[in-house]
């Protein structure tokens, strides 16, 4: 089949019967008509339609090596620097459409599947059948243009012990039964973003397992259809308050609902089980397969688009109200320019330093990407702060679109900007409001800050994995010099 249209995506959603709990209601049908999910589904439908648009098709697609159909370019196995650039161009096309506010577009998990499908030497450490299964699943996802969500971490109940120890091991998702035809999973995991509109759920290894025999029931990787029997999603309340696209321009389009996943004796067929009972390999899942590198390559590309959005928004605000000549404003604009250019430099450097893996996959330079994923979560916290500073009390003096019908003359007179009419200025400031002060913007800041996990633990992992011996040796050599 290859690339889907938006209509095909929406029709597939309406044919599914997931168990979604949201705002005191259980939703299991007609998802695209439900107010909590409708606008997000339509936004993702637009992404699918972009694949068919001549303006974007070359960037977003490539040819399937098996069917000859056009498929999404995020499924392209990179064998050269040009392939990495092709993948980046595809990610950039979607990211620029959403200005980086969609963190779970299909290319994110597709990147993971692409790397995993080629990591034969890794899977041979356990059993070659796991590699064969995930390669078959990757081809299935590629040829059917599936949209996957995923869930990774144990519930946040008692973080002083490992996930396998919480409530005596009865809380976190685990294998409770092994059958000839597959495994049975019970327990829960966080945090499945876009779960209500996904085709499939990918359950990949938790990032931290102790590697003891007690962790074996918690050590697995598999894929399951999003409406599998026994699978339930506890969704957070939406952050779109029902306003139109003038008053809630971001939340009305890009609110990716997050959910806790509950497995109530969910049966997973053997052909969809990609790892089982090897805590050591589960801990190495992202690093040794290249999945972490391709996923981070996608993320850094997306966050460049988001950095550019905030630079553009701050610049437009500054020009509109005549503050762009002040030095303290220019200092903040310069900071945003640095964020954009640093992001571009890091992703370009990761490609320039790319090298083939043992399996012949051309992977971007991990150390560079690892630095990027440690840098951006903290840098991005400045974005809404700068917007609030530029707008100041202007964010609290914002009539809505409906007020134009009864107070247009006042709005035209008293809310105009240096270069915009009153209605144009309130539209711009509504965008600033949604990007910097609403619940939607707060979730975005939290999402980016913890995207890859606890920044403190990530910093420790960066230090411990980075080869600092060459630079230490230079210090010792300098101290030993006798001029």
Protein backbone atom coordinates (compact mmCIF):
# COMPACT_ATOMS: atom_id res chain seq x y z
CA UNK A 1 0.00 0.00 0.00
CA UNK A 2 2.72 2.53 0.89
CA UNK A 3 1.94 6.07 2.00
CA UNK A 4 -1.58 6.65 3.32
CA UNK A 5 -3.80 9.66 2.80
CA UNK A 6 -5.32 11.59 5.65
CA UNK A 7 -8.70 10.09 4.82
CA UNK A 8 -7.31 6.56 5.04
CA UNK A 9 -5.76 7.40 8.40
CA UNK A 10 -9.03 8.78 9.77
CA UNK A 11 -11.06 5.85 8.44
CA UNK A 12 -8.67 3.41 10.11
CA UNK A 13 -9.04 5.28 13.42
CA UNK A 14 -12.82 5.07 13.22
CA UNK A 15 -12.63 1.33 12.58
CA UNK A 16 -10.67 0.73 15.80
CA UNK A 17 -12.07 0.18 19.30
CA UNK A 18 -9.44 1.20 21.87
CA UNK A 19 -10.32 1.64 25.55
CA UNK A 20 -9.70 5.34 26.26
CA UNK A 21 -10.59 6.88 29.62
CA UNK A 22 -10.82 10.68 29.56
CA UNK A 23 -12.75 13.19 31.68
CA UNK A 24 -14.95 10.54 33.30
CA UNK A 25 -15.84 8.89 30.00
CA UNK A 26 -14.80 5.70 28.24
CA UNK A 27 -14.35 6.29 24.51
CA UNK A 28 -14.03 3.32 22.16
CA UNK A 29 -15.52 4.36 18.83
CA UNK A 30 -15.81 7.24 16.37
CA UNK A 31 -12.58 8.71 17.71
CA UNK A 32 -12.30 11.34 15.01
CA UNK A 33 -15.63 12.86 16.10
CA UNK A 34 -14.84 13.07 19.81
CA UNK A 35 -13.97 16.64 20.88
CA UNK A 36 -10.94 15.48 22.90
CA UNK A 37 -9.30 13.83 19.89
CA UNK A 38 -10.85 15.34 16.77
CA UNK A 39 -8.48 18.26 16.16
CA UNK A 40 -5.36 16.21 16.86
CA UNK A 41 -6.56 13.50 14.48
CA UNK A 42 -7.17 16.12 11.78
CA UNK A 43 -3.69 17.55 12.29
CA UNK A 44 -2.09 14.14 11.89
CA UNK A 45 -4.28 13.52 8.84
CA UNK A 46 -2.71 16.63 7.35
CA UNK A 47 0.75 15.10 7.86
CA UNK A 48 -0.33 12.00 5.93
CA UNK A 49 -1.75 14.18 3.15
CA UNK A 50 1.52 16.09 2.89
CA UNK A 51 3.12 12.88 1.63
CA UNK A 52 0.90 13.13 -1.46
CA UNK A 53 1.39 16.87 -1.98
CA UNK A 54 3.84 17.54 -4.87
CA UNK A 55 5.35 20.33 -2.79
CA UNK A 56 6.50 17.88 -0.09
CA UNK A 57 6.46 14.41 -1.65
CA UNK A 58 10.11 14.31 -2.73
CA UNK A 59 11.22 15.27 0.77
CA UNK A 60 8.81 13.05 2.67
CA UNK A 61 8.99 9.82 0.70
CA UNK A 62 11.31 7.20 -0.74
CA UNK A 63 10.76 4.01 -2.72
CA UNK A 64 10.15 0.74 -0.90
CA UNK A 65 12.88 -1.83 -1.67
CA UNK A 66 10.28 -4.63 -1.64
CA UNK A 67 7.02 -3.30 -3.10
CA UNK A 68 8.29 -0.38 -5.16
CA UNK A 69 5.60 1.81 -3.57
CA UNK A 70 6.33 5.21 -2.12
CA UNK A 71 6.86 4.96 1.66
CA UNK A 72 7.72 7.51 4.31
CA UNK A 73 11.38 8.50 4.19
CA UNK A 74 11.74 7.88 7.93
CA UNK A 75 11.85 4.17 7.00
CA UNK A 76 14.90 4.71 4.80
CA UNK A 77 17.86 2.68 6.09
CA UNK A 78 20.78 5.14 5.93
CA UNK A 79 23.78 3.74 4.08
CA UNK A 80 25.49 7.08 3.36
CA UNK A 81 25.70 10.69 4.42
CA UNK A 82 23.21 11.53 1.67
CA UNK A 83 20.70 9.12 3.19
CA UNK A 84 21.01 10.88 6.54
CA UNK A 85 20.37 14.22 4.85
CA UNK A 86 17.34 12.71 3.13
CA UNK A 87 15.99 11.54 6.48
CA UNK A 88 16.61 14.98 7.99
CA UNK A 89 14.79 16.73 5.13
CA UNK A 90 11.75 14.52 5.71
CA UNK A 91 11.72 15.22 9.44
CA UNK A 92 12.16 18.95 8.80
CA UNK A 93 9.14 19.04 6.47
CA UNK A 94 6.78 17.75 9.15
CA UNK A 95 8.52 19.66 11.95
CA UNK A 96 8.24 22.97 10.15
CA UNK A 97 4.53 22.38 9.54
CA UNK A 98 3.96 21.99 13.30
CA UNK A 99 6.78 24.39 14.24
CA UNK A 100 8.19 21.59 16.37
CA UNK A 101 5.15 21.38 18.66
CA UNK A 102 4.31 17.81 17.62
CA UNK A 103 6.76 15.63 19.51
CA UNK A 104 5.41 12.24 18.44
CA UNK A 105 5.04 12.41 14.68
CA UNK A 106 5.38 8.99 13.08
CA UNK A 107 9.00 9.53 12.05
CA UNK A 108 10.14 9.34 15.70
CA UNK A 109 9.28 5.69 16.31
CA UNK A 110 9.90 4.87 12.65
CA UNK A 111 13.51 5.90 13.25
CA UNK A 112 13.72 3.39 16.07
CA UNK A 113 12.21 0.58 13.99
CA UNK A 114 14.53 1.35 11.09
CA UNK A 115 17.65 0.99 13.23
CA UNK A 116 16.37 -2.08 15.05
CA UNK A 117 15.47 -3.85 11.81
CA UNK A 118 19.14 -3.86 10.77
CA UNK A 119 20.78 -4.65 14.15
CA UNK A 120 21.36 -8.34 13.42
CA UNK A 121 24.53 -8.69 15.49
CA UNK A 122 22.77 -7.28 18.54
CA UNK A 123 19.83 -9.68 18.32
CA UNK A 124 22.14 -12.63 17.70
CA UNK A 125 23.34 -12.19 21.30
CA UNK A 126 19.90 -13.35 22.41
CA UNK A 127 18.29 -15.27 19.56
CA UNK A 128 18.30 -14.45 15.82
CA UNK A 129 14.52 -14.97 15.80
CA UNK A 130 14.06 -11.65 17.61
CA UNK A 131 15.93 -9.80 14.86
CA UNK A 132 13.92 -11.61 12.20
CA UNK A 133 10.66 -10.68 13.91
CA UNK A 134 11.46 -7.01 14.24
CA UNK A 135 12.67 -6.84 10.65
CA UNK A 136 9.34 -8.33 9.53
CA UNK A 137 7.44 -5.89 11.75
CA UNK A 138 9.47 -2.94 10.41
CA UNK A 139 8.49 -3.94 6.87
CA UNK A 140 4.85 -4.28 7.95
CA UNK A 141 4.91 -0.79 9.50
CA UNK A 142 6.69 0.67 6.46
CA UNK A 143 4.38 -0.84 3.85
CA UNK A 144 1.23 0.11 5.80
CA UNK A 145 2.42 3.57 6.90
CA UNK A 146 1.53 2.90 10.52
CA UNK A 147 1.52 5.50 13.27
CA UNK A 148 2.93 4.15 16.53
CA UNK A 149 2.93 5.42 20.07
CA UNK A 150 5.22 3.91 22.68
CA UNK A 151 5.54 3.50 26.42
CA UNK A 152 8.77 3.28 28.34
CA UNK A 153 8.88 3.95 32.07
CA UNK A 154 7.23 2.44 35.16
CA UNK A 155 4.47 4.36 36.97
CA UNK A 156 5.63 7.15 39.24
CA UNK A 157 4.71 5.55 42.58
CA UNK A 158 7.85 4.94 44.62
CA UNK A 159 10.98 6.08 42.82
CA UNK A 160 13.20 5.09 45.75
CA UNK A 161 13.09 1.51 44.43
CA UNK A 162 13.32 0.05 40.95
CA UNK A 163 10.23 -0.50 38.87
CA UNK A 164 10.43 -4.25 39.44
CA UNK A 165 10.26 -3.69 43.21
CA UNK A 166 7.24 -1.39 43.37
CA UNK A 167 4.33 -3.01 45.23
CA UNK A 168 6.22 -6.27 45.27
CA UNK A 169 6.60 -6.27 41.51
CA UNK A 170 2.83 -6.11 40.90
CA UNK A 171 2.70 -2.54 39.58
CA UNK A 172 4.99 -2.27 36.56
CA UNK A 173 4.15 -4.03 33.29
CA UNK A 174 5.62 -7.52 33.38
CA UNK A 175 5.32 -10.97 31.86
CA UNK A 176 2.85 -12.99 33.94
CA UNK A 177 2.53 -15.99 31.64
CA UNK A 178 4.42 -17.61 28.79
CA UNK A 179 2.49 -19.60 26.23
CA UNK A 180 3.52 -21.46 23.09
CA UNK A 181 1.99 -18.73 20.98
CA UNK A 182 3.21 -15.69 22.93
CA UNK A 183 3.31 -13.93 26.29
CA UNK A 184 0.78 -12.31 28.63
CA UNK A 185 1.49 -8.83 30.08
CA UNK A 186 -0.03 -7.24 33.20
CA UNK A 187 0.74 -3.98 34.99
CA UNK A 188 1.19 -0.41 33.81
CA UNK A 189 3.61 1.92 32.11
CA UNK A 190 3.96 5.60 31.32
CA UNK A 191 3.74 7.65 29.10
CA UNK A 192 2.05 7.02 25.78
CA UNK A 193 1.82 10.31 23.88
CA UNK A 194 -0.75 10.39 21.01
CA UNK A 195 -2.10 7.03 22.24
CA UNK A 196 -5.72 7.83 21.30
CA UNK A 197 -4.91 8.26 17.60
CA UNK A 198 -2.18 5.63 17.11
CA UNK A 199 -2.42 2.41 15.11
CA UNK A 200 0.07 0.49 17.23
CA UNK A 201 1.72 0.55 20.64
CA UNK A 202 5.45 -0.18 20.85
CA UNK A 203 6.56 -1.38 24.29
CA UNK A 204 10.32 -1.15 24.34
CA UNK A 205 12.71 -1.82 27.24
CA UNK A 206 12.62 0.38 30.29
CA UNK A 207 15.73 2.51 30.35
CA UNK A 208 17.02 1.27 33.71
CA UNK A 209 17.02 -2.39 34.72
CA UNK A 210 19.31 -3.75 37.41
CA UNK A 211 20.30 -6.73 35.31
CA UNK A 212 19.39 -9.26 38.00
CA UNK A 213 17.31 -12.43 37.51
CA UNK A 214 14.45 -10.67 39.33
CA UNK A 215 14.29 -8.21 36.43
CA UNK A 216 13.71 -10.84 33.77
CA UNK A 217 9.87 -10.64 33.83
CA UNK A 218 10.23 -6.87 33.24
CA UNK A 219 12.69 -7.31 30.36
CA UNK A 220 10.97 -7.37 27.00
CA UNK A 221 10.16 -5.53 23.79
CA UNK A 222 7.05 -6.01 21.72
CA UNK A 223 4.40 -4.38 19.53
CA UNK A 224 0.66 -4.65 19.95
CA UNK A 225 -2.35 -3.23 18.12
CA UNK A 226 -3.76 -0.19 19.86
CA UNK A 227 -7.13 -1.79 20.53
CA UNK A 228 -5.87 -5.18 21.74
CA UNK A 229 -8.12 -6.87 24.32
CA UNK A 230 -7.16 -5.90 27.87
CA UNK A 231 -5.28 -2.75 26.84
CA UNK A 232 -6.53 0.45 28.52
CA UNK A 233 -5.37 4.06 28.33
CA UNK A 234 -5.85 6.59 31.13
CA UNK A 235 -5.68 9.88 29.24
CA UNK A 236 -4.95 13.29 30.69
CA UNK A 237 -7.47 16.06 30.22
CA UNK A 238 -6.98 17.95 27.00
CA UNK A 239 -5.28 21.34 27.07
CA UNK A 240 -7.38 22.72 24.25
CA UNK A 241 -10.21 24.56 26.00
CA UNK A 242 -12.52 24.55 23.00
CA UNK A 243 -11.44 27.90 21.60
CA UNK A 244 -11.08 28.56 17.91
CA UNK A 245 -7.79 28.68 16.04
CA UNK A 246 -7.60 32.45 16.53
CA UNK A 247 -7.79 32.27 20.32
CA UNK A 248 -5.98 28.93 20.84
CA UNK A 249 -3.83 28.65 17.72
CA UNK A 250 -1.45 25.99 19.09
CA UNK A 251 -3.58 24.00 21.53
CA UNK A 252 -6.40 23.68 19.00
CA UNK A 253 -4.04 21.98 16.56
CA UNK A 254 -1.19 20.33 18.44
CA UNK A 255 -2.35 19.05 21.82
CA UNK A 256 -0.89 15.53 21.80
CA UNK A 257 -2.83 13.70 24.50
CA UNK A 258 -0.61 11.71 26.88
CA UNK A 259 -1.76 8.54 28.63
CA UNK A 260 -0.84 5.91 31.19
CA UNK A 261 -1.04 2.41 29.72
CA UNK A 262 -2.70 -0.39 31.68
CA UNK A 263 -2.14 -4.00 30.59
CA UNK A 264 -4.85 -6.28 31.94
CA UNK A 265 -3.61 -9.72 30.91
CA UNK A 266 -2.83 -8.57 27.39
CA UNK A 267 -1.78 -11.39 25.08
CA UNK A 268 1.13 -10.59 22.75
CA UNK A 269 1.65 -13.02 19.84
CA UNK A 270 5.14 -14.49 19.64
CA UNK A 271 5.84 -12.95 16.23
CA UNK A 272 5.49 -9.52 17.82
CA UNK A 273 7.88 -10.19 20.71
CA UNK A 274 11.30 -8.72 19.89
CA UNK A 275 13.20 -9.37 23.14
CA UNK A 276 12.46 -11.39 26.24
CA UNK A 277 14.23 -12.14 29.51
CA UNK A 278 17.57 -10.43 28.88
CA UNK A 279 17.96 -7.40 31.18
CA UNK A 280 21.51 -6.83 29.94
CA UNK A 281 20.39 -6.51 26.33
CA UNK A 282 17.36 -4.45 27.29
CA UNK A 283 19.68 -1.95 28.97
CA UNK A 284 21.76 -1.82 25.76
CA UNK A 285 18.71 -1.63 23.48
CA UNK A 286 19.05 1.97 22.28
CA UNK A 287 22.82 2.34 22.26
CA UNK A 288 23.94 -0.90 20.64
CA UNK A 289 21.23 -1.07 17.98
CA UNK A 290 21.65 2.51 16.75
CA UNK A 291 18.03 3.25 17.64
CA UNK A 292 19.07 5.98 20.05
CA UNK A 293 21.17 7.70 17.37
CA UNK A 294 18.47 7.73 14.67
CA UNK A 295 15.75 8.76 17.14
CA UNK A 296 17.87 11.62 18.49
CA UNK A 297 18.71 12.72 14.95
CA UNK A 298 14.97 13.11 14.41
CA UNK A 299 14.49 14.95 17.71
CA UNK A 300 17.30 17.46 17.13
CA UNK A 301 15.91 18.21 13.68
CA UNK A 302 12.46 18.80 15.16
CA UNK A 303 13.75 21.06 17.90
CA UNK A 304 15.53 23.25 15.36
CA UNK A 305 12.11 24.00 13.87
CA UNK A 306 10.83 24.86 17.33
CA UNK A 307 13.80 27.14 18.05
CA UNK A 308 13.18 28.90 14.73
CA UNK A 309 9.52 29.36 15.64
CA UNK A 310 10.39 31.15 18.89
CA UNK A 311 13.00 33.29 17.18
CA UNK A 312 10.42 34.26 14.57
CA UNK A 313 7.71 34.90 17.15
CA UNK A 314 9.97 37.01 19.38
CA UNK A 315 11.19 39.00 16.38
CA UNK A 316 7.66 39.63 15.15
CA UNK A 317 6.52 40.79 18.59
CA UNK A 318 9.54 43.07 19.00
CA UNK A 319 8.97 44.70 15.63
CA UNK A 320 5.24 45.01 16.10
CA UNK A 321 5.40 46.98 19.35
CA UNK A 322 8.62 48.87 18.57
CA UNK A 323 10.97 47.35 21.12
CA UNK A 324 13.44 45.79 18.67
CA UNK A 325 15.86 48.71 18.98
CA UNK A 326 16.43 48.26 22.72
CA UNK A 327 19.69 46.58 23.64
CA UNK A 328 18.23 44.27 26.29
CA UNK A 329 15.70 43.02 23.70
CA UNK A 330 18.47 42.51 21.16
CA UNK A 331 20.40 40.53 23.75
CA UNK A 332 17.49 38.10 24.06
CA UNK A 333 17.06 37.90 20.29
CA UNK A 334 20.76 37.13 19.98
CA UNK A 335 20.30 34.33 22.50
CA UNK A 336 17.52 32.83 20.37
CA UNK A 337 19.69 33.12 17.26
CA UNK A 338 22.43 31.20 19.07
CA UNK A 339 19.99 28.41 19.94
CA UNK A 340 18.93 28.08 16.30
CA UNK A 341 22.47 28.02 14.97
CA UNK A 342 23.80 25.70 17.67
CA UNK A 343 21.04 23.22 16.87
CA UNK A 344 21.82 23.38 13.17
CA UNK A 345 25.54 22.99 13.82
CA UNK A 346 25.04 19.97 16.07
CA UNK A 347 22.86 18.05 13.63
CA UNK A 348 25.18 18.91 10.74
CA UNK A 349 28.22 17.82 12.75
CA UNK A 350 26.51 14.56 13.68
CA UNK A 351 26.10 13.81 9.98
CA UNK A 352 29.60 14.96 9.02
CA UNK A 353 31.07 12.60 11.66
CA UNK A 354 28.71 9.71 10.82
CA UNK A 355 30.13 6.24 10.37
CA UNK A 356 28.80 2.78 9.46
CA UNK A 357 27.77 0.40 12.23
CA UNK A 358 28.79 -3.24 12.38
CA UNK A 359 25.68 -3.97 10.33
CA UNK A 360 26.55 -1.36 7.70
CA UNK A 361 24.06 1.28 8.81
CA UNK A 362 25.34 4.84 8.49
CA UNK A 363 24.66 6.29 11.94
CA UNK A 364 25.04 9.94 12.96
CA UNK A 365 27.78 10.62 15.48
CA UNK A 366 26.37 9.66 18.87
CA UNK A 367 28.59 11.84 21.07
CA UNK A 368 27.48 14.95 19.21
CA UNK A 369 23.81 14.00 19.41
CA UNK A 370 24.21 13.08 23.08
CA UNK A 371 25.55 16.58 23.74
CA UNK A 372 22.59 18.05 21.85
CA UNK A 373 20.03 16.09 23.85
CA UNK A 374 21.66 17.21 27.09
CA UNK A 375 21.77 20.85 25.96
CA UNK A 376 18.37 21.51 24.41
CA UNK A 377 16.02 20.51 27.27
CA UNK A 378 17.45 23.25 29.47
CA UNK A 379 17.96 25.78 26.68
CA UNK A 380 14.33 25.43 25.59
CA UNK A 381 13.06 26.59 28.99
CA UNK A 382 14.15 30.10 28.02
CA UNK A 383 11.80 30.28 25.03
CA UNK A 384 8.50 31.01 26.83
CA UNK A 385 10.33 33.18 29.35
CA UNK A 386 11.61 35.46 26.58
CA UNK A 387 8.14 35.68 24.99
CA UNK A 388 6.59 36.64 28.34
CA UNK A 389 9.25 39.30 28.82
CA UNK A 390 8.66 40.83 25.38
CA UNK A 391 4.86 40.87 25.69
CA UNK A 392 4.67 41.69 29.42
CA UNK A 393 1.17 42.85 30.42
CA UNK A 394 0.11 42.69 26.78
CA UNK A 395 -0.50 38.97 27.34
CA UNK A 396 -3.15 39.84 29.92
CA UNK A 397 -4.97 42.42 27.78
CA UNK A 398 -6.26 40.21 24.99
CA UNK A 399 -9.85 40.32 23.75
CA UNK A 400 -10.94 37.23 21.85
CA UNK A 401 -11.98 36.91 18.24
CA UNK A 402 -15.66 37.14 19.21
CA UNK A 403 -15.04 40.56 20.76
CA UNK A 404 -14.30 41.97 17.32
CA UNK A 405 -18.01 41.77 16.64
CA UNK A 406 -18.92 44.13 19.51
CA UNK A 407 -15.79 46.20 20.16
CA UNK A 408 -13.94 46.45 16.86
CA UNK A 409 -13.51 50.22 17.01
CA UNK A 410 -11.93 50.08 20.47
CA UNK A 411 -9.69 47.20 19.45
CA UNK A 412 -8.65 49.00 16.29
CA UNK A 413 -7.83 52.14 18.29
CA UNK A 414 -6.32 50.93 21.51
CA UNK A 415 -4.75 47.57 20.67
CA UNK A 416 -2.99 48.41 17.44
CA UNK A 417 0.74 47.92 17.11
CA UNK A 418 3.50 49.87 15.45
CA UNK A 419 3.06 47.89 12.25
CA UNK A 420 -0.18 45.95 12.78
CA UNK A 421 -3.86 46.80 13.11
CA UNK A 422 -5.60 46.02 16.38
CA UNK A 423 -7.14 42.74 15.15
CA UNK A 424 -3.80 41.67 13.67
CA UNK A 425 -1.97 42.45 16.89
CA UNK A 426 -4.36 40.48 19.11
CA UNK A 427 -4.04 37.51 16.76
CA UNK A 428 -0.24 37.64 17.10
CA UNK A 429 -0.43 38.02 20.87
CA UNK A 430 -2.88 35.11 21.13
CA UNK A 431 -0.17 33.00 19.51
CA UNK A 432 2.36 34.34 22.00
CA UNK A 433 -0.06 33.59 24.85
CA UNK A 434 -0.54 29.99 23.73
CA UNK A 435 3.21 29.58 23.33
CA UNK A 436 4.23 30.98 26.69
CA UNK A 437 1.57 31.11 29.41
CA UNK A 438 -1.22 28.58 28.84
CA UNK A 439 -1.51 25.02 30.08
CA UNK A 440 -0.51 23.92 26.58
CA UNK A 441 2.75 25.87 26.80
CA UNK A 442 3.42 24.53 30.30
CA UNK A 443 3.04 20.95 29.09
CA UNK A 444 5.38 21.72 26.18
CA UNK A 445 8.07 23.03 28.54
CA UNK A 446 7.74 19.98 30.79
CA UNK A 447 7.72 17.64 27.80
CA UNK A 448 10.94 19.06 26.37
CA UNK A 449 12.69 19.20 29.75
CA UNK A 450 12.11 15.49 30.46
CA UNK A 451 11.99 14.27 26.86
CA UNK A 452 14.95 11.92 27.27
CA UNK A 453 14.61 11.46 31.01
CA UNK A 454 15.89 13.14 34.16
CA UNK A 455 18.46 15.77 33.03
CA UNK A 456 20.64 15.04 36.09
CA UNK A 457 20.84 11.33 35.28
CA UNK A 458 21.37 12.16 31.63
CA UNK A 459 24.29 14.39 32.58
CA UNK A 460 25.82 11.56 34.59
CA UNK A 461 25.37 9.19 31.67
CA UNK A 462 27.01 11.70 29.33
CA UNK A 463 30.03 12.07 31.61
CA UNK A 464 30.40 8.33 32.13
CA UNK A 465 30.10 7.45 28.45
CA UNK A 466 32.28 10.23 27.02
CA UNK A 467 35.93 9.39 26.39
CA UNK A 468 37.74 12.16 28.29
CA UNK A 469 41.08 10.38 28.43
CA UNK A 470 42.58 12.12 25.36
CA UNK A 471 41.95 15.59 26.78
CA UNK A 472 43.18 14.52 30.22
CA UNK A 473 46.35 13.18 28.59
CA UNK A 474 46.94 16.58 26.98
CA UNK A 475 46.83 18.19 30.43
CA UNK A 476 49.31 15.67 31.81
CA UNK A 477 51.57 16.20 28.79
CA UNK A 478 51.45 19.97 29.27
CA UNK A 479 52.31 19.69 32.97
CA UNK A 480 55.25 17.43 32.10
CA UNK A 481 56.76 19.77 29.54
CA UNK A 482 60.22 21.12 30.15
CA UNK A 483 60.66 24.14 27.90
